[in-house]
Amino acid sequence: MSTEAQEQSAPLVAVASADAVLRHPEVGEHLLTAMERERAARFRHESGRIDFTAGHLLVRLCAARLLGVPAAGLVLAQQCPDCGLADHGKPYLPDHPGVHVSLSHTRGVVAAGAGFQPVGVDVELSTRDGSLRSVARRVLAPAELALVEADPQPERAFLRLWVRKESLIKIGRATLDTLGRVDLSALPLAVPPGAPLRSRYEDLHLLDWTDRTDPEHVAAVAAVSTAPPRIVELTASS
């Protein structure tokens, strides 16, 4: 396969503010399925409903770019592999079984990915109350924990490892129970804003970046796939 063909088939990942996604001319809440609208309505706070909606629209935009089709023609579904229910679990496109999708949302920021290879994405705000780090000893390998505790910004260092590990869960390479056995300590923790950081873990390609989509917050973003992911801009102006 030529380099150009490889780039065209590479998984696509995007991150944007929830507001920007909702303003995008190609999508709107009318694209949500009845199940998605029902799930969105369960959120007690409007901000949660907006983030959920934006994430489910952004993943449609990524898949549409990958396939070269209108986002309006894509149906997104989810199914839990454990209980079989369709109101949560791994997202997929029923009409495009060969396409893998992933999505994530935090307060005001959403991320999504789509590819012909498995792809996982995760985004978390760097301004947290420390609740995530409270589980560090359960989800980090000993070498990772040592790096976090020695870092001048331990909360941010932990968050970088957390989004990477969440991405691994989303492609089925780890579970919450096995995260402590996944050692990513060889990967750099510092990811300054700007150009993304590319690295490898076993046969996987990792993509890390620090996003300032929301001027009031900094978000840690990670994407992982068996092929090198490619960042695309999917904002209201694109």
C-alpha atoms as a PDB file:
ATOM      1  CA  MET A   1       0.000   0.000   0.000  1.00  0.00           C
ATOM      2  CA  SER A   2       1.352   3.441  -0.896  1.00  0.00           C
ATOM      3  CA  THR A   3       2.017   6.086   1.745  1.00  0.00           C
ATOM      4  CA  GLU A   4      -0.894   8.144   0.408  1.00  0.00           C
ATOM      5  CA  ALA A   5      -3.258   5.173   0.590  1.00  0.00           C
ATOM      6  CA  GLN A   6      -2.098   4.395   4.126  1.00  0.00           C
ATOM      7  CA  GLU A   7      -2.800   7.966   5.205  1.00  0.00           C
ATOM      8  CA  GLN A   8      -6.248   7.913   3.630  1.00  0.00           C
ATOM      9  CA  SER A   9      -7.154   4.694   5.450  1.00  0.00           C
ATOM     10  CA  ALA A  10      -5.646   5.752   8.786  1.00  0.00           C
ATOM     11  CA  PRO A  11      -7.976   6.121  11.756  1.00  0.00           C
ATOM     12  CA  LEU A  12      -9.287   9.664  12.188  1.00  0.00           C
ATOM     13  CA  VAL A  13      -9.530  11.325  15.578  1.00  0.00           C
ATOM     14  CA  ALA A  14     -10.914  14.724  16.529  1.00  0.00           C
ATOM     15  CA  VAL A  15     -11.384  16.852  19.630  1.00  0.00           C
ATOM     16  CA  ALA A  16     -13.532  19.953  19.946  1.00  0.00           C
ATOM     17  CA  SER A  17     -15.578  21.927  22.399  1.00  0.00           C
ATOM     18  CA  ALA A  18     -19.106  20.627  22.800  1.00  0.00           C
ATOM     19  CA  ASP A  19     -20.493  23.996  21.695  1.00  0.00           C
ATOM     20  CA  ALA A  20     -18.456  23.930  18.472  1.00  0.00           C
ATOM     21  CA  VAL A  21     -19.777  20.483  17.561  1.00  0.00           C
ATOM     22  CA  LEU A  22     -23.382  21.558  18.134  1.00  0.00           C
ATOM     23  CA  ARG A  23     -22.789  24.532  15.811  1.00  0.00           C
ATOM     24  CA  HIS A  24     -21.349  22.358  13.053  1.00  0.00           C
ATOM     25  CA  PRO A  25     -23.444  22.742   9.867  1.00  0.00           C
ATOM     26  CA  GLU A  26     -23.398  19.017   9.042  1.00  0.00           C
ATOM     27  CA  VAL A  27     -24.970  17.764  12.259  1.00  0.00           C
ATOM     28  CA  GLY A  28     -27.712  18.471  14.754  1.00  0.00           C
ATOM     29  CA  GLU A  29     -29.660  16.783  17.503  1.00  0.00           C
ATOM     30  CA  HIS A  30     -32.143  15.540  14.896  1.00  0.00           C
ATOM     31  CA  LEU A  31     -29.521  12.944  13.877  1.00  0.00           C
ATOM     32  CA  LEU A  32     -29.716  11.196  17.245  1.00  0.00           C
ATOM     33  CA  THR A  33     -31.620   7.929  17.448  1.00  0.00           C
ATOM     34  CA  ALA A  34     -34.564   7.518  19.806  1.00  0.00           C
ATOM     35  CA  MET A  35     -32.299   5.635  22.217  1.00  0.00           C
ATOM     36  CA  GLU A  36     -29.692   8.406  22.149  1.00  0.00           C
ATOM     37  CA  ARG A  37     -32.343  11.068  22.799  1.00  0.00           C
ATOM     38  CA  GLU A  38     -33.691   9.031  25.682  1.00  0.00           C
ATOM     39  CA  ARG A  39     -30.223   8.672  27.189  1.00  0.00           C
ATOM     40  CA  ALA A  40     -29.496  12.372  26.725  1.00  0.00           C
ATOM     41  CA  ALA A  41     -32.708  13.246  28.543  1.00  0.00           C
ATOM     42  CA  ARG A  42     -31.603  11.275  31.617  1.00  0.00           C
ATOM     43  CA  PHE A  43     -28.871  13.784  32.483  1.00  0.00           C
ATOM     44  CA  ARG A  44     -29.839  15.901  35.450  1.00  0.00           C
ATOM     45  CA  HIS A  45     -27.814  18.874  34.248  1.00  0.00           C
ATOM     46  CA  GLU A  46     -28.037  20.512  30.839  1.00  0.00           C
ATOM     47  CA  SER A  47     -24.249  20.573  30.547  1.00  0.00           C
ATOM     48  CA  GLY A  48     -24.140  16.772  30.742  1.00  0.00           C
ATOM     49  CA  ARG A  49     -26.817  16.449  28.072  1.00  0.00           C
ATOM     50  CA  ILE A  50     -24.878  18.803  25.794  1.00  0.00           C
ATOM     51  CA  ASP A  51     -21.602  16.923  26.240  1.00  0.00           C
ATOM     52  CA  PHE A  52     -23.279  13.565  25.576  1.00  0.00           C
ATOM     53  CA  THR A  53     -24.995  14.898  22.458  1.00  0.00           C
ATOM     54  CA  ALA A  54     -21.832  16.536  21.118  1.00  0.00           C
ATOM     55  CA  GLY A  55     -19.808  13.353  21.571  1.00  0.00           C
ATOM     56  CA  HIS A  56     -22.364  11.294  19.681  1.00  0.00           C
ATOM     57  CA  LEU A  57     -22.418  13.842  16.862  1.00  0.00           C
ATOM     58  CA  LEU A  58     -18.636  14.216  16.649  1.00  0.00           C
ATOM     59  CA  VAL A  59     -18.147  10.478  16.189  1.00  0.00           C
ATOM     60  CA  ARG A  60     -20.573  10.645  13.260  1.00  0.00           C
ATOM     61  CA  LEU A  61     -18.482  13.431  11.724  1.00  0.00           C
ATOM     62  CA  CYS A  62     -15.311  11.357  12.077  1.00  0.00           C
ATOM     63  CA  ALA A  63     -16.935   8.297  10.528  1.00  0.00           C
ATOM     64  CA  ALA A  64     -18.401  10.397   7.727  1.00  0.00           C
ATOM     65  CA  ARG A  65     -14.957  11.776   6.850  1.00  0.00           C
ATOM     66  CA  LEU A  66     -13.484   8.294   6.930  1.00  0.00           C
ATOM     67  CA  LEU A  67     -16.167   6.861   4.645  1.00  0.00           C
ATOM     68  CA  GLY A  68     -16.688   9.911   2.439  1.00  0.00           C
ATOM     69  CA  VAL A  69     -20.430   9.995   3.146  1.00  0.00           C
ATOM     70  CA  PRO A  70     -22.779  12.557   4.755  1.00  0.00           C
ATOM     71  CA  ALA A  71     -22.925  12.393   8.542  1.00  0.00           C
ATOM     72  CA  ALA A  72     -26.704  12.517   8.305  1.00  0.00           C
ATOM     73  CA  GLY A  73     -26.727   9.024   6.798  1.00  0.00           C
ATOM     74  CA  LEU A  74     -24.938   7.347   9.707  1.00  0.00           C
ATOM     75  CA  VAL A  75     -26.687   5.548  12.554  1.00  0.00           C
ATOM     76  CA  LEU A  76     -24.814   5.079  15.827  1.00  0.00           C
ATOM     77  CA  ALA A  77     -25.676   2.319  18.276  1.00  0.00           C
ATOM     78  CA  GLN A  78     -24.229   0.867  21.459  1.00  0.00           C
ATOM     79  CA  GLN A  79     -24.380  -2.534  23.109  1.00  0.00           C
ATOM     80  CA  CYS A  80     -22.949  -3.820  26.358  1.00  0.00           C
ATOM     81  CA  PRO A  81     -20.990  -7.062  25.826  1.00  0.00           C
ATOM     82  CA  ASP A  82     -21.763  -8.142  29.386  1.00  0.00           C
ATOM     83  CA  CYS A  83     -25.497  -7.564  29.814  1.00  0.00           C
ATOM     84  CA  GLY A  84     -26.517  -7.147  26.163  1.00  0.00           C
ATOM     85  CA  LEU A  85     -28.445  -3.919  26.759  1.00  0.00           C
ATOM     86  CA  ALA A  86     -28.386  -1.278  24.038  1.00  0.00           C
ATOM     87  CA  ASP A  87     -28.412   1.818  26.242  1.00  0.00           C
ATOM     88  CA  HIS A  88     -24.688   1.677  27.022  1.00  0.00           C
ATOM     89  CA  GLY A  89     -21.525  -0.125  25.990  1.00  0.00           C
ATOM     90  CA  LYS A  90     -19.208  -0.063  23.001  1.00  0.00           C
ATOM     91  CA  PRO A  91     -20.424   2.197  20.152  1.00  0.00           C
ATOM     92  CA  TYR A  92     -20.696   0.873  16.612  1.00  0.00           C
ATOM     93  CA  LEU A  93     -22.243   1.644  13.210  1.00  0.00           C
ATOM     94  CA  PRO A  94     -24.835  -1.057  12.398  1.00  0.00           C
ATOM     95  CA  ASP A  95     -24.713  -0.266   8.679  1.00  0.00           C
ATOM     96  CA  HIS A  96     -20.886  -0.245   8.520  1.00  0.00           C
ATOM     97  CA  PRO A  97     -19.601  -3.260  10.473  1.00  0.00           C
ATOM     98  CA  GLY A  98     -16.080  -2.786   9.108  1.00  0.00           C
ATOM     99  CA  VAL A  99     -15.704   0.614  10.775  1.00  0.00           C
ATOM    100  CA  HIS A 100     -14.572   0.961  14.387  1.00  0.00           C
ATOM    101  CA  VAL A 101     -15.630   4.032  16.376  1.00  0.00           C
ATOM    102  CA  SER A 102     -14.893   5.474  19.784  1.00  0.00           C
ATOM    103  CA  LEU A 103     -16.031   8.555  21.677  1.00  0.00           C
ATOM    104  CA  SER A 104     -15.408  10.364  24.936  1.00  0.00           C
ATOM    105  CA  HIS A 105     -16.716  13.490  26.608  1.00  0.00           C
ATOM    106  CA  THR A 106     -15.824  15.542  29.645  1.00  0.00           C
ATOM    107  CA  ARG A 107     -17.087  18.883  30.858  1.00  0.00           C
ATOM    108  CA  GLY A 108     -17.379  21.012  27.711  1.00  0.00           C
ATOM    109  CA  VAL A 109     -14.911  18.992  25.586  1.00  0.00           C
ATOM    110  CA  VAL A 110     -15.516  15.934  23.409  1.00  0.00           C
ATOM    111  CA  ALA A 111     -13.292  13.551  21.443  1.00  0.00           C
ATOM    112  CA  ALA A 112     -14.075  10.873  18.868  1.00  0.00           C
ATOM    113  CA  GLY A 113     -12.388   8.484  16.499  1.00  0.00           C
ATOM    114  CA  ALA A 114     -13.235   6.264  13.531  1.00  0.00           C
ATOM    115  CA  GLY A 115     -11.127   3.796  11.600  1.00  0.00           C
ATOM    116  CA  PHE A 116     -10.994   0.590   9.619  1.00  0.00           C
ATOM    117  CA  GLN A 117      -8.774  -0.653  12.453  1.00  0.00           C
ATOM    118  CA  PRO A 118      -9.728  -0.680  16.161  1.00  0.00           C
ATOM    119  CA  VAL A 119      -9.423   2.801  17.636  1.00  0.00           C
ATOM    120  CA  GLY A 120      -9.910   4.123  21.151  1.00  0.00           C
ATOM    121  CA  VAL A 121     -10.026   7.727  22.359  1.00  0.00           C
ATOM    122  CA  ASP A 122     -10.349   9.397  25.721  1.00  0.00           C
ATOM    123  CA  VAL A 123     -10.404  12.990  26.957  1.00  0.00           C
ATOM    124  CA  GLU A 124     -10.290  14.365  30.483  1.00  0.00           C
ATOM    125  CA  LEU A 125      -9.948  17.884  31.833  1.00  0.00           C
ATOM    126  CA  SER A 126      -6.665  18.575  33.559  1.00  0.00           C
ATOM    127  CA  THR A 127      -8.466  20.638  36.180  1.00  0.00           C
ATOM    128  CA  ARG A 128      -9.808  17.878  38.392  1.00  0.00           C
ATOM    129  CA  ASP A 129     -10.503  17.711  42.126  1.00  0.00           C
ATOM    130  CA  GLY A 130      -8.098  14.823  42.664  1.00  0.00           C
ATOM    131  CA  SER A 131     -10.750  12.119  42.596  1.00  0.00           C
ATOM    132  CA  LEU A 132      -9.090  10.297  39.715  1.00  0.00           C
ATOM    133  CA  ARG A 133      -5.712  10.163  41.386  1.00  0.00           C
ATOM    134  CA  SER A 134      -7.331   8.494  44.388  1.00  0.00           C
ATOM    135  CA  VAL A 135      -7.471   5.282  42.328  1.00  0.00           C
ATOM    136  CA  ALA A 136      -3.843   5.519  41.183  1.00  0.00           C
ATOM    137  CA  ARG A 137      -2.579   2.598  43.247  1.00  0.00           C
ATOM    138  CA  ARG A 138      -5.255   0.352  41.758  1.00  0.00           C
ATOM    139  CA  VAL A 139      -4.763   1.209  38.075  1.00  0.00           C
ATOM    140  CA  LEU A 140      -1.062   2.085  37.773  1.00  0.00           C
ATOM    141  CA  ALA A 141       1.891  -0.269  37.545  1.00  0.00           C
ATOM    142  CA  PRO A 142       4.551   0.298  40.240  1.00  0.00           C
ATOM    143  CA  ALA A 143       6.903   2.083  37.826  1.00  0.00           C
ATOM    144  CA  GLU A 144       4.069   4.360  36.651  1.00  0.00           C
ATOM    145  CA  LEU A 145       3.106   5.204  40.223  1.00  0.00           C
ATOM    146  CA  ALA A 146       6.697   6.138  41.010  1.00  0.00           C
ATOM    147  CA  LEU A 147       6.785   8.497  38.009  1.00  0.00           C
ATOM    148  CA  VAL A 148       3.524  10.166  39.029  1.00  0.00           C
ATOM    149  CA  GLU A 149       4.615  10.670  42.635  1.00  0.00           C
ATOM    150  CA  ALA A 150       7.938  12.177  41.486  1.00  0.00           C
ATOM    151  CA  ASP A 151       6.363  14.507  38.936  1.00  0.00           C
ATOM    152  CA  PRO A 152       6.105  18.218  39.877  1.00  0.00           C
ATOM    153  CA  GLN A 153       2.471  18.069  38.693  1.00  0.00           C
ATOM    154  CA  PRO A 154       1.321  14.628  39.873  1.00  0.00           C
ATOM    155  CA  GLU A 155      -2.366  15.180  39.091  1.00  0.00           C
ATOM    156  CA  ARG A 156      -1.607  16.070  35.503  1.00  0.00           C
ATOM    157  CA  ALA A 157       0.898  13.223  35.176  1.00  0.00           C
ATOM    158  CA  PHE A 158      -1.665  10.736  36.409  1.00  0.00           C
ATOM    159  CA  LEU A 159      -4.274  12.132  34.034  1.00  0.00           C
ATOM    160  CA  ARG A 160      -1.951  11.537  31.075  1.00  0.00           C
ATOM    161  CA  LEU A 161      -1.591   7.880  32.025  1.00  0.00           C
ATOM    162  CA  TRP A 162      -5.301   7.603  32.732  1.00  0.00           C
ATOM    163  CA  VAL A 163      -6.437   8.737  29.269  1.00  0.00           C
ATOM    164  CA  ARG A 164      -3.944   6.373  27.654  1.00  0.00           C
ATOM    165  CA  LYS A 165      -5.237   3.459  29.690  1.00  0.00           C
ATOM    166  CA  GLU A 166      -8.876   4.352  29.062  1.00  0.00           C
ATOM    167  CA  SER A 167      -8.084   4.272  25.344  1.00  0.00           C
ATOM    168  CA  LEU A 168      -6.602   0.789  25.751  1.00  0.00           C
ATOM    169  CA  ILE A 169      -9.795  -0.359  27.460  1.00  0.00           C
ATOM    170  CA  LYS A 170     -11.840   0.962  24.557  1.00  0.00           C
ATOM    171  CA  ILE A 171      -9.997  -1.181  22.021  1.00  0.00           C
ATOM    172  CA  GLY A 172     -10.192  -4.235  24.227  1.00  0.00           C
ATOM    173  CA  ARG A 173      -6.515  -4.392  25.236  1.00  0.00           C
ATOM    174  CA  ALA A 174      -7.216  -3.932  28.949  1.00  0.00           C
ATOM    175  CA  THR A 175      -9.978  -3.873  31.540  1.00  0.00           C
ATOM    176  CA  LEU A 176     -10.372  -1.921  34.765  1.00  0.00           C
ATOM    177  CA  ASP A 177      -9.237  -5.026  36.622  1.00  0.00           C
ATOM    178  CA  THR A 178      -6.050  -5.452  34.556  1.00  0.00           C
ATOM    179  CA  LEU A 179      -4.895  -1.826  34.218  1.00  0.00           C
ATOM    180  CA  GLY A 180      -2.329  -2.275  36.980  1.00  0.00           C
ATOM    181  CA  ARG A 181      -0.557  -4.876  34.851  1.00  0.00           C
ATOM    182  CA  VAL A 182      -0.239  -2.517  31.868  1.00  0.00           C
ATOM    183  CA  ASP A 183       3.030  -0.610  32.262  1.00  0.00           C
ATOM    184  CA  LEU A 184       3.309   2.564  30.160  1.00  0.00           C
ATOM    185  CA  SER A 185       6.159   4.034  32.207  1.00  0.00           C
ATOM    186  CA  ALA A 186       8.501   4.020  29.191  1.00  0.00           C
ATOM    187  CA  LEU A 187       6.338   6.646  27.469  1.00  0.00           C
ATOM    188  CA  PRO A 188       6.956  10.347  28.160  1.00  0.00           C
ATOM    189  CA  LEU A 189       4.484  12.067  30.474  1.00  0.00           C
ATOM    190  CA  ALA A 190       5.079  15.634  29.297  1.00  0.00           C
ATOM    191  CA  VAL A 191       2.896  16.561  26.320  1.00  0.00           C
ATOM    192  CA  PRO A 192       3.068  20.332  25.768  1.00  0.00           C
ATOM    193  CA  PRO A 193       0.301  22.119  23.853  1.00  0.00           C
ATOM    194  CA  GLY A 194       0.791  22.166  20.116  1.00  0.00           C
ATOM    195  CA  ALA A 195       1.978  19.260  18.017  1.00  0.00           C
ATOM    196  CA  PRO A 196       0.748  15.844  19.192  1.00  0.00           C
ATOM    197  CA  LEU A 197       3.127  13.306  20.663  1.00  0.00           C
ATOM    198  CA  ARG A 198       3.357   9.982  18.841  1.00  0.00           C
ATOM    199  CA  SER A 199       4.667   6.867  20.540  1.00  0.00           C
ATOM    200  CA  ARG A 200       4.402   3.076  20.492  1.00  0.00           C
ATOM    201  CA  TYR A 201       3.288   0.465  22.991  1.00  0.00           C
ATOM    202  CA  GLU A 202       3.823  -3.075  21.767  1.00  0.00           C
ATOM    203  CA  ASP A 203       2.008  -3.224  18.400  1.00  0.00           C
ATOM    204  CA  LEU A 204      -0.078  -0.116  19.093  1.00  0.00           C
ATOM    205  CA  HIS A 205       0.291   3.466  17.928  1.00  0.00           C
ATOM    206  CA  LEU A 206      -0.451   6.078  20.579  1.00  0.00           C
ATOM    207  CA  LEU A 207      -1.281   9.699  19.936  1.00  0.00           C
ATOM    208  CA  ASP A 208      -1.266  12.167  22.848  1.00  0.00           C
ATOM    209  CA  TRP A 209      -1.971  15.826  22.841  1.00  0.00           C
ATOM    210  CA  THR A 210      -2.899  18.640  25.149  1.00  0.00           C
ATOM    211  CA  ASP A 211      -5.946  20.502  23.929  1.00  0.00           C
ATOM    212  CA  ARG A 212      -6.958  24.076  24.703  1.00  0.00           C
ATOM    213  CA  THR A 213     -10.262  24.019  22.819  1.00  0.00           C
ATOM    214  CA  ASP A 214     -11.893  25.484  25.915  1.00  0.00           C
ATOM    215  CA  PRO A 215      -9.935  28.631  26.874  1.00  0.00           C
ATOM    216  CA  GLU A 216     -10.779  28.062  30.550  1.00  0.00           C
ATOM    217  CA  HIS A 217      -9.547  24.467  30.684  1.00  0.00           C
ATOM    218  CA  VAL A 218      -6.758  22.240  29.453  1.00  0.00           C
ATOM    219  CA  ALA A 219      -7.718  18.731  28.343  1.00  0.00           C
ATOM    220  CA  ALA A 220      -5.559  15.625  28.152  1.00  0.00           C
ATOM    221  CA  VAL A 221      -6.424  13.595  25.053  1.00  0.00           C
ATOM    222  CA  ALA A 222      -5.214  10.160  23.969  1.00  0.00           C
ATOM    223  CA  ALA A 223      -5.922   7.960  20.978  1.00  0.00           C
ATOM    224  CA  VAL A 224      -4.670   4.453  20.291  1.00  0.00           C
ATOM    225  CA  SER A 225      -4.923   2.141  17.303  1.00  0.00           C
ATOM    226  CA  THR A 226      -3.096  -0.603  15.470  1.00  0.00           C
ATOM    227  CA  ALA A 227      -2.397   1.997  12.741  1.00  0.00           C
ATOM    228  CA  PRO A 228      -1.085   5.562  13.198  1.00  0.00           C
ATOM    229  CA  PRO A 229      -4.098   7.795  13.967  1.00  0.00           C
ATOM    230  CA  ARG A 230      -4.533  11.085  12.165  1.00  0.00           C
ATOM    231  CA  ILE A 231      -5.994  14.220  13.759  1.00  0.00           C
ATOM    232  CA  VAL A 232      -8.636  16.044  11.746  1.00  0.00           C
ATOM    233  CA  GLU A 233     -10.235  19.387  12.420  1.00  0.00           C
ATOM    234  CA  LEU A 234     -13.982  19.007  12.685  1.00  0.00           C
ATOM    235  CA  THR A 235     -15.201  22.337  13.958  1.00  0.00           C
ATOM    236  CA  ALA A 236     -17.976  24.632  12.821  1.00  0.00           C
ATOM    237  CA  SER A 237     -15.682  26.274  10.279  1.00  0.00           C
ATOM    238  CA  SER A 238     -14.505  23.055   8.605  1.00  0.00           C
END
